């Protein structure tokens, strides 16, 4: 795998599923928040995120290394729940948070607690 997580590579690999039932504008804004938050993460946080999401601490060197390709399922709006993940299918489940700050806080909390085994 490639040690330094390249966010643009991750973006190119990732597909989205919508379960929130929200408007396209809202979903587009939410995706922008998500990538903006991930881009601002430290290298270690990005590794933690990819591990939380895919079960591997690094991105594969090429697309062929990803089985299955990572995806994000946007869940209905809910500021009280943390994101969750199914590493077997490289799928991240994120509620449609009401702000970028909440998204950032919840995502960082989720990846930290997962790494220390408090699930």
PDB file of N, CA and C in Angstrom:
ATOM      1  N   UNK A   1       0.827  -1.208   0.000  1.00  0.00           N
ATOM      2  CA  UNK A   1       0.000   0.000   0.000  1.00  0.00           C
ATOM      3  C   UNK A   1       0.854   1.248   0.000  1.00  0.00           C
ATOM      4  N   UNK A   2       0.241   2.365  -0.239  1.00  0.00           N
ATOM      5  CA  UNK A   2       0.934   3.647  -0.285  1.00  0.00           C
ATOM      6  C   UNK A   2       0.762   4.332   1.061  1.00  0.00           C
ATOM      7  N   UNK A   3       1.886   4.605   1.732  1.00  0.00           N
ATOM      8  CA  UNK A   3       1.835   5.121   3.094  1.00  0.00           C
ATOM      9  C   UNK A   3       1.086   6.426   3.254  1.00  0.00           C
ATOM     10  N   UNK A   4       1.392   7.403   2.416  1.00  0.00           N
ATOM     11  CA  UNK A   4       0.746   8.696   2.562  1.00  0.00           C
ATOM     12  C   UNK A   4      -0.588   8.668   1.820  1.00  0.00           C
ATOM     13  N   UNK A   5      -1.664   8.895   2.546  1.00  0.00           N
ATOM     14  CA  UNK A   5      -2.992   8.789   1.956  1.00  0.00           C
ATOM     15  C   UNK A   5      -3.257   9.992   1.050  1.00  0.00           C
ATOM     16  N   UNK A   6      -3.412   9.729  -0.223  1.00  0.00           N
ATOM     17  CA  UNK A   6      -3.680  10.796  -1.180  1.00  0.00           C
ATOM     18  C   UNK A   6      -5.190  10.968  -1.304  1.00  0.00           C
ATOM     19  N   UNK A   7      -5.680  12.143  -0.853  1.00  0.00           N
ATOM     20  CA  UNK A   7      -7.122  12.345  -0.792  1.00  0.00           C
ATOM     21  C   UNK A   7      -7.746  12.341  -2.189  1.00  0.00           C
ATOM     22  N   UNK A   8      -7.044  12.906  -3.172  1.00  0.00           N
ATOM     23  CA  UNK A   8      -7.635  12.910  -4.515  1.00  0.00           C
ATOM     24  C   UNK A   8      -7.755  11.493  -5.072  1.00  0.00           C
ATOM     25  N   UNK A   9      -6.819  10.615  -4.708  1.00  0.00           N
ATOM     26  CA  UNK A   9      -6.924   9.203  -5.100  1.00  0.00           C
ATOM     27  C   UNK A   9      -8.140   8.571  -4.426  1.00  0.00           C
ATOM     28  N   UNK A  10      -8.284   8.849  -3.149  1.00  0.00           N
ATOM     29  CA  UNK A  10      -9.423   8.316  -2.401  1.00  0.00           C
ATOM     30  C   UNK A  10     -10.741   8.806  -3.016  1.00  0.00           C
ATOM     31  N   UNK A  11     -10.799  10.088  -3.357  1.00  0.00           N
ATOM     32  CA  UNK A  11     -11.999  10.648  -3.984  1.00  0.00           C
ATOM     33  C   UNK A  11     -12.313   9.907  -5.289  1.00  0.00           C
ATOM     34  N   UNK A  12     -11.275   9.651  -6.070  1.00  0.00           N
ATOM     35  CA  UNK A  12     -11.505   9.007  -7.380  1.00  0.00           C
ATOM     36  C   UNK A  12     -11.992   7.573  -7.224  1.00  0.00           C
ATOM     37  N   UNK A  13     -11.642   6.916  -6.109  1.00  0.00           N
ATOM     38  CA  UNK A  13     -12.049   5.524  -5.872  1.00  0.00           C
ATOM     39  C   UNK A  13     -13.455   5.415  -5.287  1.00  0.00           C
ATOM     40  N   UNK A  14     -13.924   6.473  -4.631  1.00  0.00           N
ATOM     41  CA  UNK A  14     -15.102   6.376  -3.765  1.00  0.00           C
ATOM     42  C   UNK A  14     -16.418   6.637  -4.495  1.00  0.00           C
ATOM     43  N   UNK A  15     -17.377   5.768  -4.262  1.00  0.00           N
ATOM     44  CA  UNK A  15     -18.731   6.019  -4.773  1.00  0.00           C
ATOM     45  C   UNK A  15     -19.652   6.302  -3.586  1.00  0.00           C
ATOM     46  N   UNK A  16     -20.764   6.973  -3.868  1.00  0.00           N
ATOM     47  CA  UNK A  16     -21.714   7.336  -2.816  1.00  0.00           C
ATOM     48  C   UNK A  16     -23.064   6.672  -3.043  1.00  0.00           C
ATOM     49  N   UNK A  17     -23.683   6.250  -1.940  1.00  0.00           N
ATOM     50  CA  UNK A  17     -25.065   5.766  -1.965  1.00  0.00           C
ATOM     51  C   UNK A  17     -25.853   6.693  -1.053  1.00  0.00           C
ATOM     52  N   UNK A  18     -27.038   7.064  -1.473  1.00  0.00           N
ATOM     53  CA  UNK A  18     -27.829   7.959  -0.643  1.00  0.00           C
ATOM     54  C   UNK A  18     -29.002   7.227  -0.019  1.00  0.00           C
ATOM     55  N   UNK A  19     -29.050   7.250   1.313  1.00  0.00           N
ATOM     56  CA  UNK A  19     -30.206   6.706   2.026  1.00  0.00           C
ATOM     57  C   UNK A  19     -30.905   7.805   2.822  1.00  0.00           C
ATOM     58  N   UNK A  20     -30.483   9.051   2.597  1.00  0.00           N
ATOM     59  CA  UNK A  20     -31.016  10.152   3.409  1.00  0.00           C
ATOM     60  C   UNK A  20     -32.305  10.722   2.828  1.00  0.00           C
ATOM     61  N   UNK A  21     -32.495  10.535   1.509  1.00  0.00           N
ATOM     62  CA  UNK A  21     -33.663  11.088   0.860  1.00  0.00           C
ATOM     63  C   UNK A  21     -33.631  12.606   0.716  1.00  0.00           C
ATOM     64  N   UNK A  22     -32.433  13.197   0.871  1.00  0.00           N
ATOM     65  CA  UNK A  22     -32.313  14.652   0.773  1.00  0.00           C
ATOM     66  C   UNK A  22     -32.119  15.099  -0.677  1.00  0.00           C
ATOM     67  N   UNK A  23     -32.165  16.420  -0.888  1.00  0.00           N
ATOM     68  CA  UNK A  23     -31.994  16.977  -2.235  1.00  0.00           C
ATOM     69  C   UNK A  23     -30.551  16.814  -2.708  1.00  0.00           C
ATOM     70  N   UNK A  24     -30.369  16.820  -4.014  1.00  0.00           N
ATOM     71  CA  UNK A  24     -29.025  16.710  -4.585  1.00  0.00           C
ATOM     72  C   UNK A  24     -28.098  17.810  -4.101  1.00  0.00           C
ATOM     73  N   UNK A  25     -28.636  19.033  -3.979  1.00  0.00           N
ATOM     74  CA  UNK A  25     -27.815  20.151  -3.498  1.00  0.00           C
ATOM     75  C   UNK A  25     -27.259  19.866  -2.116  1.00  0.00           C
ATOM     76  N   UNK A  26     -28.121  19.353  -1.254  1.00  0.00           N
ATOM     77  CA  UNK A  26     -27.706  19.060   0.118  1.00  0.00           C
ATOM     78  C   UNK A  26     -26.653  17.956   0.134  1.00  0.00           C
ATOM     79  N   UNK A  27     -26.862  16.950  -0.701  1.00  0.00           N
ATOM     80  CA  UNK A  27     -25.908  15.845  -0.763  1.00  0.00           C
ATOM     81  C   UNK A  27     -24.555  16.302  -1.301  1.00  0.00           C
ATOM     82  N   UNK A  28     -24.600  17.159  -2.302  1.00  0.00           N
ATOM     83  CA  UNK A  28     -23.369  17.687  -2.881  1.00  0.00           C
ATOM     84  C   UNK A  28     -22.595  18.491  -1.841  1.00  0.00           C
ATOM     85  N   UNK A  29     -23.299  19.305  -1.100  1.00  0.00           N
ATOM     86  CA  UNK A  29     -22.676  20.096  -0.027  1.00  0.00           C
ATOM     87  C   UNK A  29     -22.055  19.200   1.022  1.00  0.00           C
ATOM     88  N   UNK A  30     -22.772  18.134   1.357  1.00  0.00           N
ATOM     89  CA  UNK A  30     -22.288  17.208   2.376  1.00  0.00           C
ATOM     90  C   UNK A  30     -21.019  16.501   1.905  1.00  0.00           C
ATOM     91  N   UNK A  31     -20.987  16.098   0.642  1.00  0.00           N
ATOM     92  CA  UNK A  31     -19.782  15.460   0.091  1.00  0.00           C
ATOM     93  C   UNK A  31     -18.597  16.424   0.130  1.00  0.00           C
ATOM     94  N   UNK A  32     -18.876  17.697  -0.190  1.00  0.00           N
ATOM     95  CA  UNK A  32     -17.804  18.705  -0.117  1.00  0.00           C
ATOM     96  C   UNK A  32     -17.263  18.831   1.300  1.00  0.00           C
ATOM     97  N   UNK A  33     -18.171  18.868   2.276  1.00  0.00           N
ATOM     98  CA  UNK A  33     -17.741  18.923   3.686  1.00  0.00           C
ATOM     99  C   UNK A  33     -16.861  17.726   4.012  1.00  0.00           C
ATOM    100  N   UNK A  34     -17.321  16.545   3.602  1.00  0.00           N
ATOM    101  CA  UNK A  34     -16.600  15.317   3.930  1.00  0.00           C
ATOM    102  C   UNK A  34     -15.171  15.365   3.391  1.00  0.00           C
ATOM    103  N   UNK A  35     -15.016  15.708   2.117  1.00  0.00           N
ATOM    104  CA  UNK A  35     -13.667  15.741   1.539  1.00  0.00           C
ATOM    105  C   UNK A  35     -12.827  16.868   2.145  1.00  0.00           C
ATOM    106  N   UNK A  36     -13.474  17.996   2.460  1.00  0.00           N
ATOM    107  CA  UNK A  36     -12.733  19.099   3.087  1.00  0.00           C
ATOM    108  C   UNK A  36     -12.205  18.674   4.461  1.00  0.00           C
ATOM    109  N   UNK A  37     -13.041  17.967   5.218  1.00  0.00           N
ATOM    110  CA  UNK A  37     -12.632  17.481   6.545  1.00  0.00           C
ATOM    111  C   UNK A  37     -11.474  16.483   6.400  1.00  0.00           C
ATOM    112  N   UNK A  38     -11.600  15.564   5.445  1.00  0.00           N
ATOM    113  CA  UNK A  38     -10.560  14.542   5.260  1.00  0.00           C
ATOM    114  C   UNK A  38      -9.248  15.189   4.800  1.00  0.00           C
ATOM    115  N   UNK A  39      -9.345  16.185   3.915  1.00  0.00           N
ATOM    116  CA  UNK A  39      -8.125  16.851   3.441  1.00  0.00           C
ATOM    117  C   UNK A  39      -7.367  17.543   4.564  1.00  0.00           C
ATOM    118  N   UNK A  40      -8.088  18.026   5.572  1.00  0.00           N
ATOM    119  CA  UNK A  40      -7.456  18.736   6.687  1.00  0.00           C
ATOM    120  C   UNK A  40      -6.912  17.800   7.766  1.00  0.00           C
ATOM    121  N   UNK A  41      -7.192  16.517   7.648  1.00  0.00           N
ATOM    122  CA  UNK A  41      -6.711  15.565   8.661  1.00  0.00           C
ATOM    123  C   UNK A  41      -5.194  15.428   8.608  1.00  0.00           C
ATOM    124  N   UNK A  42      -4.614  15.087   9.748  1.00  0.00           N
ATOM    125  CA  UNK A  42      -3.177  14.782   9.780  1.00  0.00           C
ATOM    126  C   UNK A  42      -2.955  13.447   9.056  1.00  0.00           C
ATOM    127  N   UNK A  43      -1.694  13.178   8.625  1.00  0.00           N
ATOM    128  CA  UNK A  43      -1.420  11.888   7.965  1.00  0.00           C
ATOM    129  C   UNK A  43      -1.878  10.690   8.807  1.00  0.00           C
ATOM    130  N   UNK A  44      -1.689  10.784  10.132  1.00  0.00           N
ATOM    131  CA  UNK A  44      -2.084   9.676  11.004  1.00  0.00           C
ATOM    132  C   UNK A  44      -3.607   9.525  11.038  1.00  0.00           C
ATOM    133  N   UNK A  45      -4.315  10.645  11.091  1.00  0.00           N
ATOM    134  CA  UNK A  45      -5.785  10.586  11.088  1.00  0.00           C
ATOM    135  C   UNK A  45      -6.308   9.992   9.785  1.00  0.00           C
ATOM    136  N   UNK A  46      -5.656  10.346   8.674  1.00  0.00           N
ATOM    137  CA  UNK A  46      -6.065   9.777   7.385  1.00  0.00           C
ATOM    138  C   UNK A  46      -5.853   8.264   7.377  1.00  0.00           C
ATOM    139  N   UNK A  47      -4.730   7.817   7.924  1.00  0.00           N
ATOM    140  CA  UNK A  47      -4.482   6.376   8.028  1.00  0.00           C
ATOM    141  C   UNK A  47      -5.548   5.712   8.883  1.00  0.00           C
ATOM    142  N   UNK A  48      -5.865   6.365  10.018  1.00  0.00           N
ATOM    143  CA  UNK A  48      -6.894   5.832  10.913  1.00  0.00           C
ATOM    144  C   UNK A  48      -8.236   5.739  10.193  1.00  0.00           C
ATOM    145  N   UNK A  49      -8.544   6.767   9.409  1.00  0.00           N
ATOM    146  CA  UNK A  49      -9.807   6.790   8.668  1.00  0.00           C
ATOM    147  C   UNK A  49      -9.874   5.639   7.669  1.00  0.00           C
ATOM    148  N   UNK A  50      -8.804   5.478   6.887  1.00  0.00           N
ATOM    149  CA  UNK A  50      -8.792   4.426   5.872  1.00  0.00           C
ATOM    150  C   UNK A  50      -8.860   3.045   6.530  1.00  0.00           C
ATOM    151  N   UNK A  51      -8.212   2.905   7.696  1.00  0.00           N
ATOM    152  CA  UNK A  51      -8.281   1.644   8.433  1.00  0.00           C
ATOM    153  C   UNK A  51      -9.703   1.388   8.942  1.00  0.00           C
ATOM    154  N   UNK A  52     -10.316   2.434   9.486  1.00  0.00           N
ATOM    155  CA  UNK A  52     -11.686   2.351  10.004  1.00  0.00           C
ATOM    156  C   UNK A  52     -12.650   1.942   8.881  1.00  0.00           C
ATOM    157  N   UNK A  53     -12.394   2.476   7.699  1.00  0.00           N
ATOM    158  CA  UNK A  53     -13.269   2.348   6.534  1.00  0.00           C
ATOM    159  C   UNK A  53     -13.065   1.035   5.801  1.00  0.00           C
ATOM    160  N   UNK A  54     -11.784   0.645   5.591  1.00  0.00           N
ATOM    161  CA  UNK A  54     -11.483  -0.492   4.714  1.00  0.00           C
ATOM    162  C   UNK A  54     -10.811  -1.664   5.429  1.00  0.00           C
ATOM    163  N   UNK A  55     -10.361  -1.453   6.670  1.00  0.00           N
ATOM    164  CA  UNK A  55      -9.646  -2.508   7.378  1.00  0.00           C
ATOM    165  C   UNK A  55      -8.176  -2.583   7.016  1.00  0.00           C
ATOM    166  N   UNK A  56      -7.724  -1.667   6.154  1.00  0.00           N
ATOM    167  CA  UNK A  56      -6.318  -1.611   5.771  1.00  0.00           C
ATOM    168  C   UNK A  56      -5.791  -0.214   6.090  1.00  0.00           C
ATOM    169  N   UNK A  57      -4.572  -0.096   6.647  1.00  0.00           N
ATOM    170  CA  UNK A  57      -4.083   1.226   7.040  1.00  0.00           C
ATOM    171  C   UNK A  57      -3.596   2.088   5.885  1.00  0.00           C
ATOM    172  N   UNK A  58      -3.562   1.545   4.672  1.00  0.00           N
ATOM    173  CA  UNK A  58      -3.072   2.330   3.533  1.00  0.00           C
ATOM    174  C   UNK A  58      -3.923   2.048   2.303  1.00  0.00           C
ATOM    175  N   UNK A  59      -3.860   2.971   1.363  1.00  0.00           N
ATOM    176  CA  UNK A  59      -4.525   2.743   0.082  1.00  0.00           C
ATOM    177  C   UNK A  59      -3.668   1.799  -0.753  1.00  0.00           C
ATOM    178  N   UNK A  60      -4.283   0.914  -1.524  1.00  0.00           N
ATOM    179  CA  UNK A  60      -3.479   0.069  -2.416  1.00  0.00           C
ATOM    180  C   UNK A  60      -2.794   0.934  -3.472  1.00  0.00           C
ATOM    181  N   UNK A  61      -1.722   0.412  -4.024  1.00  0.00           N
ATOM    182  CA  UNK A  61      -0.930   1.183  -4.986  1.00  0.00           C
ATOM    183  C   UNK A  61      -1.721   1.483  -6.252  1.00  0.00           C
ATOM    184  N   UNK A  62      -2.683   0.635  -6.576  1.00  0.00           N
ATOM    185  CA  UNK A  62      -3.498   0.890  -7.770  1.00  0.00           C
ATOM    186  C   UNK A  62      -4.934   0.491  -7.504  1.00  0.00           C
ATOM    187  N   UNK A  63      -5.807   0.894  -8.407  1.00  0.00           N
ATOM    188  CA  UNK A  63      -7.221   0.590  -8.275  1.00  0.00           C
ATOM    189  C   UNK A  63      -7.466  -0.909  -8.153  1.00  0.00           C
ATOM    190  N   UNK A  64      -6.649  -1.691  -8.842  1.00  0.00           N
ATOM    191  CA  UNK A  64      -6.826  -3.149  -8.823  1.00  0.00           C
ATOM    192  C   UNK A  64      -6.677  -3.718  -7.418  1.00  0.00           C
ATOM    193  N   UNK A  65      -5.937  -2.989  -6.570  1.00  0.00           N
ATOM    194  CA  UNK A  65      -5.721  -3.477  -5.212  1.00  0.00           C
ATOM    195  C   UNK A  65      -6.944  -3.335  -4.322  1.00  0.00           C
ATOM    196  N   UNK A  66      -7.935  -2.575  -4.772  1.00  0.00           N
ATOM    197  CA  UNK A  66      -9.120  -2.353  -3.956  1.00  0.00           C
ATOM    198  C   UNK A  66     -10.214  -3.349  -4.271  1.00  0.00           C
ATOM    199  N   UNK A  67     -10.470  -4.238  -3.355  1.00  0.00           N
ATOM    200  CA  UNK A  67     -11.599  -5.158  -3.491  1.00  0.00           C
ATOM    201  C   UNK A  67     -12.368  -5.165  -2.197  1.00  0.00           C
ATOM    202  N   UNK A  68     -13.549  -4.718  -2.110  1.00  0.00           N
ATOM    203  CA  UNK A  68     -14.245  -3.925  -3.131  1.00  0.00           C
ATOM    204  C   UNK A  68     -13.827  -2.451  -3.055  1.00  0.00           C
ATOM    205  N   UNK A  69     -14.254  -1.672  -4.033  1.00  0.00           N
ATOM    206  CA  UNK A  69     -13.946  -0.241  -4.031  1.00  0.00           C
ATOM    207  C   UNK A  69     -14.649   0.434  -2.858  1.00  0.00           C
ATOM    208  N   UNK A  70     -14.022   1.453  -2.271  1.00  0.00           N
ATOM    209  CA  UNK A  70     -14.646   2.110  -1.113  1.00  0.00           C
ATOM    210  C   UNK A  70     -15.915   2.869  -1.507  1.00  0.00           C
ATOM    211  N   UNK A  71     -16.865   2.867  -0.592  1.00  0.00           N
ATOM    212  CA  UNK A  71     -18.084   3.631  -0.831  1.00  0.00           C
ATOM    213  C   UNK A  71     -18.549   4.273   0.465  1.00  0.00           C
ATOM    214  N   UNK A  72     -19.379   5.288   0.304  1.00  0.00           N
ATOM    215  CA  UNK A  72     -19.957   5.991   1.447  1.00  0.00           C
ATOM    216  C   UNK A  72     -21.469   5.932   1.297  1.00  0.00           C
ATOM    217  N   UNK A  73     -22.139   5.477   2.343  1.00  0.00           N
ATOM    218  CA  UNK A  73     -23.596   5.526   2.362  1.00  0.00           C
ATOM    219  C   UNK A  73     -24.009   6.681   3.270  1.00  0.00           C
ATOM    220  N   UNK A  74     -24.737   7.632   2.692  1.00  0.00           N
ATOM    221  CA  UNK A  74     -25.208   8.780   3.469  1.00  0.00           C
ATOM    222  C   UNK A  74     -26.544   8.406   4.100  1.00  0.00           C
ATOM    223  N   UNK A  75     -26.546   8.353   5.432  1.00  0.00           N
ATOM    224  CA  UNK A  75     -27.735   7.938   6.178  1.00  0.00           C
ATOM    225  C   UNK A  75     -28.616   9.154   6.471  1.00  0.00           C
ATOM    226  N   UNK A  76     -29.878   8.897   6.878  1.00  0.00           N
ATOM    227  CA  UNK A  76     -30.749  10.030   7.216  1.00  0.00           C
ATOM    228  C   UNK A  76     -30.129  10.924   8.292  1.00  0.00           C
ATOM    229  N   UNK A  77     -30.481  12.200   8.251  1.00  0.00           N
ATOM    230  CA  UNK A  77     -29.924  13.202   9.159  1.00  0.00           C
ATOM    231  C   UNK A  77     -30.088  12.776  10.618  1.00  0.00           C
ATOM    232  N   UNK A  78     -28.991  12.837  11.361  1.00  0.00           N
ATOM    233  CA  UNK A  78     -29.014  12.442  12.772  1.00  0.00           C
ATOM    234  C   UNK A  78     -27.708  12.892  13.417  1.00  0.00           C
ATOM    235  N   UNK A  79     -27.768  13.975  14.194  1.00  0.00           N
ATOM    236  CA  UNK A  79     -26.538  14.499  14.787  1.00  0.00           C
ATOM    237  C   UNK A  79     -26.074  13.730  16.018  1.00  0.00           C
ATOM    238  N   UNK A  80     -26.846  12.742  16.471  1.00  0.00           N
ATOM    239  CA  UNK A  80     -26.458  12.055  17.701  1.00  0.00           C
ATOM    240  C   UNK A  80     -25.640  10.788  17.459  1.00  0.00           C
ATOM    241  N   UNK A  81     -25.670  10.263  16.247  1.00  0.00           N
ATOM    242  CA  UNK A  81     -24.949   9.014  15.985  1.00  0.00           C
ATOM    243  C   UNK A  81     -23.575   9.236  15.350  1.00  0.00           C
ATOM    244  N   UNK A  82     -22.661   8.331  15.667  1.00  0.00           N
ATOM    245  CA  UNK A  82     -21.334   8.360  15.057  1.00  0.00           C
ATOM    246  C   UNK A  82     -21.385   7.652  13.698  1.00  0.00           C
ATOM    247  N   UNK A  83     -20.461   8.007  12.818  1.00  0.00           N
ATOM    248  CA  UNK A  83     -20.323   7.218  11.585  1.00  0.00           C
ATOM    249  C   UNK A  83     -19.955   5.779  11.955  1.00  0.00           C
ATOM    250  N   UNK A  84     -20.279   4.843  11.075  1.00  0.00           N
ATOM    251  CA  UNK A  84     -19.870   3.461  11.293  1.00  0.00           C
ATOM    252  C   UNK A  84     -19.331   2.938   9.966  1.00  0.00           C
ATOM    253  N   UNK A  85     -18.763   1.743  10.003  1.00  0.00           N
ATOM    254  CA  UNK A  85     -18.177   1.217   8.781  1.00  0.00           C
ATOM    255  C   UNK A  85     -18.335  -0.290   8.740  1.00  0.00           C
ATOM    256  N   UNK A  86     -18.382  -0.818   7.534  1.00  0.00           N
ATOM    257  CA  UNK A  86     -18.317  -2.254   7.315  1.00  0.00           C
ATOM    258  C   UNK A  86     -17.050  -2.502   6.497  1.00  0.00           C
ATOM    259  N   UNK A  87     -15.977  -2.919   7.182  1.00  0.00           N
ATOM    260  CA  UNK A  87     -14.689  -3.050   6.497  1.00  0.00           C
ATOM    261  C   UNK A  87     -14.702  -4.157   5.455  1.00  0.00           C
ATOM    262  N   UNK A  88     -15.572  -5.171   5.615  1.00  0.00           N
ATOM    263  CA  UNK A  88     -15.623  -6.281   4.637  1.00  0.00           C
ATOM    264  C   UNK A  88     -15.973  -5.766   3.247  1.00  0.00           C
ATOM    265  N   UNK A  89     -16.810  -4.727   3.200  1.00  0.00           N
ATOM    266  CA  UNK A  89     -17.222  -4.190   1.900  1.00  0.00           C
ATOM    267  C   UNK A  89     -16.710  -2.764   1.700  1.00  0.00           C
ATOM    268  N   UNK A  90     -15.759  -2.336   2.550  1.00  0.00           N
ATOM    269  CA  UNK A  90     -15.164  -0.990   2.455  1.00  0.00           C
ATOM    270  C   UNK A  90     -16.236   0.098   2.361  1.00  0.00           C
ATOM    271  N   UNK A  91     -17.223   0.002   3.240  1.00  0.00           N
ATOM    272  CA  UNK A  91     -18.307   0.979   3.189  1.00  0.00           C
ATOM    273  C   UNK A  91     -18.382   1.785   4.483  1.00  0.00           C
ATOM    274  N   UNK A  92     -18.432   3.092   4.307  1.00  0.00           N
ATOM    275  CA  UNK A  92     -18.542   4.020   5.427  1.00  0.00           C
ATOM    276  C   UNK A  92     -19.979   4.511   5.472  1.00  0.00           C
ATOM    277  N   UNK A  93     -20.578   4.461   6.656  1.00  0.00           N
ATOM    278  CA  UNK A  93     -21.953   4.956   6.823  1.00  0.00           C
ATOM    279  C   UNK A  93     -21.895   6.253   7.620  1.00  0.00           C
ATOM    280  N   UNK A  94     -22.362   7.335   7.026  1.00  0.00           N
ATOM    281  CA  UNK A  94     -22.305   8.627   7.713  1.00  0.00           C
ATOM    282  C   UNK A  94     -23.676   9.286   7.697  1.00  0.00           C
ATOM    283  N   UNK A  95     -24.209   9.605   8.895  1.00  0.00           N
ATOM    284  CA  UNK A  95     -25.474  10.347   8.907  1.00  0.00           C
ATOM    285  C   UNK A  95     -25.272  11.720   8.261  1.00  0.00           C
ATOM    286  N   UNK A  96     -26.328  12.261   7.699  1.00  0.00           N
ATOM    287  CA  UNK A  96     -26.257  13.579   7.067  1.00  0.00           C
ATOM    288  C   UNK A  96     -26.248  14.634   8.185  1.00  0.00           C
ATOM    289  N   UNK A  97     -25.059  14.914   8.708  1.00  0.00           N
ATOM    290  CA  UNK A  97     -24.946  15.860   9.825  1.00  0.00           C
ATOM    291  C   UNK A  97     -25.345  17.262   9.406  1.00  0.00           C
ATOM    292  N   UNK A  98     -25.752  18.056  10.399  1.00  0.00           N
ATOM    293  CA  UNK A  98     -26.283  19.387  10.100  1.00  0.00           C
ATOM    294  C   UNK A  98     -25.189  20.426   9.865  1.00  0.00           C
ATOM    295  N   UNK A  99     -23.943  20.110  10.240  1.00  0.00           N
ATOM    296  CA  UNK A  99     -22.859  21.069   9.991  1.00  0.00           C
ATOM    297  C   UNK A  99     -21.549  20.341   9.748  1.00  0.00           C
ATOM    298  N   UNK A 100     -20.638  21.051   9.118  1.00  0.00           N
ATOM    299  CA  UNK A 100     -19.306  20.504   8.843  1.00  0.00           C
ATOM    300  C   UNK A 100     -18.547  20.250  10.146  1.00  0.00           C
ATOM    301  N   UNK A 101     -18.764  21.117  11.148  1.00  0.00           N
ATOM    302  CA  UNK A 101     -18.092  20.951  12.449  1.00  0.00           C
ATOM    303  C   UNK A 101     -18.509  19.634  13.104  1.00  0.00           C
ATOM    304  N   UNK A 102     -19.819  19.347  13.051  1.00  0.00           N
ATOM    305  CA  UNK A 102     -20.310  18.100  13.652  1.00  0.00           C
ATOM    306  C   UNK A 102     -19.753  16.899  12.891  1.00  0.00           C
ATOM    307  N   UNK A 103     -19.766  16.997  11.576  1.00  0.00           N
ATOM    308  CA  UNK A 103     -19.211  15.927  10.742  1.00  0.00           C
ATOM    309  C   UNK A 103     -17.763  15.643  11.137  1.00  0.00           C
ATOM    310  N   UNK A 104     -16.972  16.699  11.253  1.00  0.00           N
ATOM    311  CA  UNK A 104     -15.556  16.538  11.603  1.00  0.00           C
ATOM    312  C   UNK A 104     -15.386  15.902  12.986  1.00  0.00           C
ATOM    313  N   UNK A 105     -16.119  16.431  13.957  1.00  0.00           N
ATOM    314  CA  UNK A 105     -15.991  15.929  15.332  1.00  0.00           C
ATOM    315  C   UNK A 105     -16.395  14.461  15.426  1.00  0.00           C
ATOM    316  N   UNK A 106     -17.505  14.107  14.801  1.00  0.00           N
ATOM    317  CA  UNK A 106     -18.018  12.731  14.889  1.00  0.00           C
ATOM    318  C   UNK A 106     -17.115  11.755  14.135  1.00  0.00           C
ATOM    319  N   UNK A 107     -16.621  12.187  12.991  1.00  0.00           N
ATOM    320  CA  UNK A 107     -15.760  11.303  12.206  1.00  0.00           C
ATOM    321  C   UNK A 107     -14.450  11.035  12.949  1.00  0.00           C
ATOM    322  N   UNK A 108     -13.859  12.092  13.512  1.00  0.00           N
ATOM    323  CA  UNK A 108     -12.606  11.914  14.260  1.00  0.00           C
ATOM    324  C   UNK A 108     -12.828  11.043  15.492  1.00  0.00           C
ATOM    325  N   UNK A 109     -13.953  11.250  16.169  1.00  0.00           N
ATOM    326  CA  UNK A 109     -14.258  10.440  17.348  1.00  0.00           C
ATOM    327  C   UNK A 109     -14.440   8.971  16.968  1.00  0.00           C
ATOM    328  N   UNK A 110     -15.155   8.748  15.878  1.00  0.00           N
ATOM    329  CA  UNK A 110     -15.417   7.366  15.444  1.00  0.00           C
ATOM    330  C   UNK A 110     -14.125   6.627  15.105  1.00  0.00           C
ATOM    331  N   UNK A 111     -13.232   7.286  14.352  1.00  0.00           N
ATOM    332  CA  UNK A 111     -12.012   6.577  13.950  1.00  0.00           C
ATOM    333  C   UNK A 111     -11.071   6.379  15.133  1.00  0.00           C
ATOM    334  N   UNK A 112     -11.089   7.302  16.100  1.00  0.00           N
ATOM    335  CA  UNK A 112     -10.229   7.135  17.276  1.00  0.00           C
ATOM    336  C   UNK A 112     -10.741   6.011  18.171  1.00  0.00           C
ATOM    337  N   UNK A 113     -12.038   5.991  18.447  1.00  0.00           N
ATOM    338  CA  UNK A 113     -12.557   4.971  19.346  1.00  0.00           C
ATOM    339  C   UNK A 113     -12.443   3.593  18.727  1.00  0.00           C
ATOM    340  N   UNK A 114     -12.641   3.508  17.425  1.00  0.00           N
ATOM    341  CA  UNK A 114     -12.527   2.218  16.738  1.00  0.00           C
ATOM    342  C   UNK A 114     -11.103   1.681  16.883  1.00  0.00           C
ATOM    343  N   UNK A 115     -10.129   2.577  16.768  1.00  0.00           N
ATOM    344  CA  UNK A 115      -8.742   2.138  16.819  1.00  0.00           C
ATOM    345  C   UNK A 115      -8.331   1.664  18.209  1.00  0.00           C
ATOM    346  N   UNK A 116      -8.990   2.202  19.238  1.00  0.00           N
ATOM    347  CA  UNK A 116      -8.653   1.745  20.588  1.00  0.00           C
ATOM    348  C   UNK A 116      -9.575   0.634  21.044  1.00  0.00           C
ATOM    349  N   UNK A 117     -10.432   0.180  20.140  1.00  0.00           N
ATOM    350  CA  UNK A 117     -11.258  -0.973  20.457  1.00  0.00           C
ATOM    351  C   UNK A 117     -12.491  -0.671  21.288  1.00  0.00           C
ATOM    352  N   UNK A 118     -12.824   0.588  21.541  1.00  0.00           N
ATOM    353  CA  UNK A 118     -14.061   0.886  22.253  1.00  0.00           C
ATOM    354  C   UNK A 118     -15.175   0.974  21.226  1.00  0.00           C
ATOM    355  N   UNK A 119     -15.861  -0.115  20.969  1.00  0.00           N
ATOM    356  CA  UNK A 119     -16.898  -0.060  19.934  1.00  0.00           C
ATOM    357  C   UNK A 119     -18.261  -0.159  20.602  1.00  0.00           C
TER     358      UNK A 119
END
